[in-house]
Amino acid sequence: MTELTDEELIERELQARQKRAKPEKMRVRSADTSKPWTDYEVSRKPRAEPIG
């Protein structure tokens, strides 16, 4: 097994995270729907099936 450089390890982990994040659905809720410039809450929707 070849030892990875820090840059290679970071790139590998970023790619793995991107692959896991792609199917994730997010929910965005406005704190005040009458104003476009307000606070927003972003949360992950639960998965219907287990990760596998």
PDB file of N, CA and C in Angstrom:
ATOM      1  N   MET A   1       0.837  -1.174   0.000  1.00  0.00           N
ATOM      2  CA  MET A   1       0.000   0.000   0.000  1.00  0.00           C
ATOM      3  C   MET A   1       0.886   1.243   0.000  1.00  0.00           C
ATOM      4  N   THR A   2       0.561   2.184  -0.864  1.00  0.00           N
ATOM      5  CA  THR A   2       1.333   3.411  -0.989  1.00  0.00           C
ATOM      6  C   THR A   2       0.853   4.443   0.020  1.00  0.00           C
ATOM      7  N   GLU A   3       1.796   5.119   0.628  1.00  0.00           N
ATOM      8  CA  GLU A   3       1.439   6.175   1.578  1.00  0.00           C
ATOM      9  C   GLU A   3       1.031   7.425   0.795  1.00  0.00           C
ATOM     10  N   LEU A   4      -0.069   8.045   1.222  1.00  0.00           N
ATOM     11  CA  LEU A   4      -0.578   9.237   0.537  1.00  0.00           C
ATOM     12  C   LEU A   4       0.002  10.502   1.150  1.00  0.00           C
ATOM     13  N   THR A   5       0.163  11.508   0.297  1.00  0.00           N
ATOM     14  CA  THR A   5       0.557  12.818   0.818  1.00  0.00           C
ATOM     15  C   THR A   5      -0.659  13.450   1.482  1.00  0.00           C
ATOM     16  N   ASP A   6      -0.454  14.496   2.247  1.00  0.00           N
ATOM     17  CA  ASP A   6      -1.578  15.199   2.872  1.00  0.00           C
ATOM     18  C   ASP A   6      -2.566  15.693   1.828  1.00  0.00           C
ATOM     19  N   GLU A   7      -2.056  16.227   0.730  1.00  0.00           N
ATOM     20  CA  GLU A   7      -2.923  16.751  -0.327  1.00  0.00           C
ATOM     21  C   GLU A   7      -3.759  15.636  -0.957  1.00  0.00           C
ATOM     22  N   GLU A   8      -3.147  14.474  -1.193  1.00  0.00           N
ATOM     23  CA  GLU A   8      -3.873  13.339  -1.771  1.00  0.00           C
ATOM     24  C   GLU A   8      -4.943  12.814  -0.814  1.00  0.00           C
ATOM     25  N   LEU A   9      -4.605  12.769   0.459  1.00  0.00           N
ATOM     26  CA  LEU A   9      -5.562  12.309   1.459  1.00  0.00           C
ATOM     27  C   LEU A   9      -6.752  13.266   1.562  1.00  0.00           C
ATOM     28  N   ILE A  10      -6.476  14.555   1.577  1.00  0.00           N
ATOM     29  CA  ILE A  10      -7.546  15.559   1.626  1.00  0.00           C
ATOM     30  C   ILE A  10      -8.432  15.441   0.396  1.00  0.00           C
ATOM     31  N   GLU A  11      -7.822  15.314  -0.791  1.00  0.00           N
ATOM     32  CA  GLU A  11      -8.596  15.194  -2.026  1.00  0.00           C
ATOM     33  C   GLU A  11      -9.469  13.939  -2.005  1.00  0.00           C
ATOM     34  N   ARG A  12      -8.935  12.832  -1.532  1.00  0.00           N
ATOM     35  CA  ARG A  12      -9.698  11.581  -1.451  1.00  0.00           C
ATOM     36  C   ARG A  12     -10.895  11.742  -0.509  1.00  0.00           C
ATOM     37  N   GLU A  13     -10.682  12.352   0.626  1.00  0.00           N
ATOM     38  CA  GLU A  13     -11.770  12.533   1.592  1.00  0.00           C
ATOM     39  C   GLU A  13     -12.821  13.521   1.090  1.00  0.00           C
ATOM     40  N   LEU A  14     -12.393  14.575   0.402  1.00  0.00           N
ATOM     41  CA  LEU A  14     -13.363  15.514  -0.175  1.00  0.00           C
ATOM     42  C   LEU A  14     -14.221  14.837  -1.234  1.00  0.00           C
ATOM     43  N   GLN A  15     -13.619  13.987  -2.051  1.00  0.00           N
ATOM     44  CA  GLN A  15     -14.382  13.250  -3.065  1.00  0.00           C
ATOM     45  C   GLN A  15     -15.366  12.281  -2.420  1.00  0.00           C
ATOM     46  N   ALA A  16     -14.942  11.611  -1.347  1.00  0.00           N
ATOM     47  CA  ALA A  16     -15.837  10.685  -0.648  1.00  0.00           C
ATOM     48  C   ALA A  16     -17.002  11.438  -0.030  1.00  0.00           C
ATOM     49  N   ARG A  17     -16.730  12.601   0.562  1.00  0.00           N
ATOM     50  CA  ARG A  17     -17.797  13.407   1.168  1.00  0.00           C
ATOM     51  C   ARG A  17     -18.766  13.917   0.111  1.00  0.00           C
ATOM     52  N   GLN A  18     -18.229  14.328  -1.031  1.00  0.00           N
ATOM     53  CA  GLN A  18     -19.082  14.812  -2.116  1.00  0.00           C
ATOM     54  C   GLN A  18     -20.003  13.693  -2.616  1.00  0.00           C
ATOM     55  N   LYS A  19     -19.478  12.482  -2.708  1.00  0.00           N
ATOM     56  CA  LYS A  19     -20.280  11.335  -3.143  1.00  0.00           C
ATOM     57  C   LYS A  19     -21.400  11.037  -2.138  1.00  0.00           C
ATOM     58  N   ARG A  20     -21.089  11.124  -0.833  1.00  0.00           N
ATOM     59  CA  ARG A  20     -22.112  10.882   0.196  1.00  0.00           C
ATOM     60  C   ARG A  20     -23.149  11.999   0.219  1.00  0.00           C
ATOM     61  N   ALA A  21     -22.734  13.232  -0.051  1.00  0.00           N
ATOM     62  CA  ALA A  21     -23.637  14.378   0.053  1.00  0.00           C
ATOM     63  C   ALA A  21     -24.594  14.497  -1.128  1.00  0.00           C
ATOM     64  N   LYS A  22     -24.210  13.968  -2.264  1.00  0.00           N
ATOM     65  CA  LYS A  22     -25.027  14.131  -3.475  1.00  0.00           C
ATOM     66  C   LYS A  22     -26.481  13.704  -3.290  1.00  0.00           C
ATOM     67  N   PRO A  23     -26.761  12.536  -2.695  1.00  0.00           N
ATOM     68  CA  PRO A  23     -28.168  12.127  -2.561  1.00  0.00           C
ATOM     69  C   PRO A  23     -28.888  12.772  -1.363  1.00  0.00           C
ATOM     70  N   GLU A  24     -28.166  13.516  -0.514  1.00  0.00           N
ATOM     71  CA  GLU A  24     -28.804  14.121   0.660  1.00  0.00           C
ATOM     72  C   GLU A  24     -29.753  15.242   0.252  1.00  0.00           C
ATOM     73  N   LYS A  25     -30.927  15.235   0.809  1.00  0.00           N
ATOM     74  CA  LYS A  25     -31.899  16.295   0.573  1.00  0.00           C
ATOM     75  C   LYS A  25     -31.826  17.273   1.744  1.00  0.00           C
ATOM     76  N   MET A  26     -31.930  18.553   1.435  1.00  0.00           N
ATOM     77  CA  MET A  26     -31.856  19.588   2.464  1.00  0.00           C
ATOM     78  C   MET A  26     -33.181  20.343   2.511  1.00  0.00           C
ATOM     79  N   ARG A  27     -33.479  20.865   3.688  1.00  0.00           N
ATOM     80  CA  ARG A  27     -34.681  21.671   3.881  1.00  0.00           C
ATOM     81  C   ARG A  27     -34.223  23.065   4.328  1.00  0.00           C
ATOM     82  N   VAL A  28     -34.764  24.109   3.687  1.00  0.00           N
ATOM     83  CA  VAL A  28     -34.423  25.485   4.027  1.00  0.00           C
ATOM     84  C   VAL A  28     -35.697  26.178   4.493  1.00  0.00           C
ATOM     85  N   ARG A  29     -35.630  26.772   5.688  1.00  0.00           N
ATOM     86  CA  ARG A  29     -36.787  27.490   6.239  1.00  0.00           C
ATOM     87  C   ARG A  29     -36.400  28.923   6.543  1.00  0.00           C
ATOM     88  N   SER A  30     -37.243  29.846   6.118  1.00  0.00           N
ATOM     89  CA  SER A  30     -37.023  31.261   6.364  1.00  0.00           C
ATOM     90  C   SER A  30     -37.537  31.636   7.752  1.00  0.00           C
ATOM     91  N   ALA A  31     -36.779  32.459   8.468  1.00  0.00           N
ATOM     92  CA  ALA A  31     -37.225  32.938   9.779  1.00  0.00           C
ATOM     93  C   ALA A  31     -38.353  33.951   9.630  1.00  0.00           C
ATOM     94  N   ASP A  32     -38.365  34.664   8.496  1.00  0.00           N
ATOM     95  CA  ASP A  32     -39.401  35.664   8.239  1.00  0.00           C
ATOM     96  C   ASP A  32     -39.686  35.657   6.740  1.00  0.00           C
ATOM     97  N   THR A  33     -40.769  35.013   6.340  1.00  0.00           N
ATOM     98  CA  THR A  33     -41.073  34.855   4.912  1.00  0.00           C
ATOM     99  C   THR A  33     -41.451  36.159   4.214  1.00  0.00           C
ATOM    100  N   SER A  34     -41.668  37.225   4.963  1.00  0.00           N
ATOM    101  CA  SER A  34     -42.010  38.507   4.333  1.00  0.00           C
ATOM    102  C   SER A  34     -40.767  39.296   3.920  1.00  0.00           C
ATOM    103  N   LYS A  35     -39.581  38.824   4.305  1.00  0.00           N
ATOM    104  CA  LYS A  35     -38.335  39.523   3.985  1.00  0.00           C
ATOM    105  C   LYS A  35     -37.349  38.560   3.323  1.00  0.00           C
ATOM    106  N   PRO A  36     -36.731  38.985   2.208  1.00  0.00           N
ATOM    107  CA  PRO A  36     -35.740  38.110   1.590  1.00  0.00           C
ATOM    108  C   PRO A  36     -34.424  38.055   2.383  1.00  0.00           C
ATOM    109  N   TRP A  37     -34.078  39.165   3.062  1.00  0.00           N
ATOM    110  CA  TRP A  37     -32.843  39.224   3.840  1.00  0.00           C
ATOM    111  C   TRP A  37     -33.170  38.956   5.296  1.00  0.00           C
ATOM    112  N   THR A  38     -33.125  37.694   5.657  1.00  0.00           N
ATOM    113  CA  THR A  38     -33.450  37.269   7.011  1.00  0.00           C
ATOM    114  C   THR A  38     -32.622  36.027   7.345  1.00  0.00           C
ATOM    115  N   ASP A  39     -32.807  35.487   8.499  1.00  0.00           N
ATOM    116  CA  ASP A  39     -32.113  34.255   8.867  1.00  0.00           C
ATOM    117  C   ASP A  39     -32.815  33.061   8.231  1.00  0.00           C
ATOM    118  N   TYR A  40     -32.017  32.065   7.892  1.00  0.00           N
ATOM    119  CA  TYR A  40     -32.550  30.832   7.322  1.00  0.00           C
ATOM    120  C   TYR A  40     -32.008  29.654   8.115  1.00  0.00           C
ATOM    121  N   GLU A  41     -32.845  28.642   8.282  1.00  0.00           N
ATOM    122  CA  GLU A  41     -32.439  27.399   8.926  1.00  0.00           C
ATOM    123  C   GLU A  41     -32.304  26.345   7.842  1.00  0.00           C
ATOM    124  N   VAL A  42     -31.157  25.698   7.797  1.00  0.00           N
ATOM    125  CA  VAL A  42     -30.910  24.639   6.823  1.00  0.00           C
ATOM    126  C   VAL A  42     -30.715  23.346   7.600  1.00  0.00           C
ATOM    127  N   SER A  43     -31.492  22.326   7.255  1.00  0.00           N
ATOM    128  CA  SER A  43     -31.364  21.044   7.947  1.00  0.00           C
ATOM    129  C   SER A  43     -31.445  19.910   6.940  1.00  0.00           C
ATOM    130  N   ARG A  44     -30.915  18.792   7.318  1.00  0.00           N
ATOM    131  CA  ARG A  44     -30.904  17.602   6.472  1.00  0.00           C
ATOM    132  C   ARG A  44     -32.209  16.844   6.666  1.00  0.00           C
ATOM    133  N   LYS A  45     -32.784  16.414   5.570  1.00  0.00           N
ATOM    134  CA  LYS A  45     -33.977  15.566   5.659  1.00  0.00           C
ATOM    135  C   LYS A  45     -33.531  14.154   5.973  1.00  0.00           C
ATOM    136  N   PRO A  46     -34.268  13.430   6.826  1.00  0.00           N
ATOM    137  CA  PRO A  46     -33.895  12.044   7.131  1.00  0.00           C
ATOM    138  C   PRO A  46     -34.007  11.169   5.886  1.00  0.00           C
ATOM    139  N   ARG A  47     -33.164  10.182   5.816  1.00  0.00           N
ATOM    140  CA  ARG A  47     -33.180   9.230   4.698  1.00  0.00           C
ATOM    141  C   ARG A  47     -34.319   8.238   4.862  1.00  0.00           C
ATOM    142  N   ALA A  48     -34.892   7.815   3.754  1.00  0.00           N
ATOM    143  CA  ALA A  48     -35.954   6.820   3.778  1.00  0.00           C
ATOM    144  C   ALA A  48     -35.380   5.410   3.934  1.00  0.00           C
ATOM    145  N   GLU A  49     -34.196   5.198   3.344  1.00  0.00           N
ATOM    146  CA  GLU A  49     -33.584   3.873   3.430  1.00  0.00           C
ATOM    147  C   GLU A  49     -32.204   3.994   4.063  1.00  0.00           C
ATOM    148  N   PRO A  50     -31.678   2.916   4.594  1.00  0.00           N
ATOM    149  CA  PRO A  50     -30.371   2.959   5.243  1.00  0.00           C
ATOM    150  C   PRO A  50     -29.253   3.174   4.223  1.00  0.00           C
ATOM    151  N   ILE A  51     -28.165   3.773   4.666  1.00  0.00           N
ATOM    152  CA  ILE A  51     -26.991   3.961   3.812  1.00  0.00           C
ATOM    153  C   ILE A  51     -26.344   2.608   3.585  1.00  0.00           C
ATOM    154  N   GLY A  52     -25.981   2.330   2.368  1.00  0.00           N
ATOM    155  CA  GLY A  52     -25.409   1.014   2.147  1.00  0.00           C
ATOM    156  C   GLY A  52     -24.606   0.958   0.968  1.00  0.00           C
TER     157      GLY A  52
END
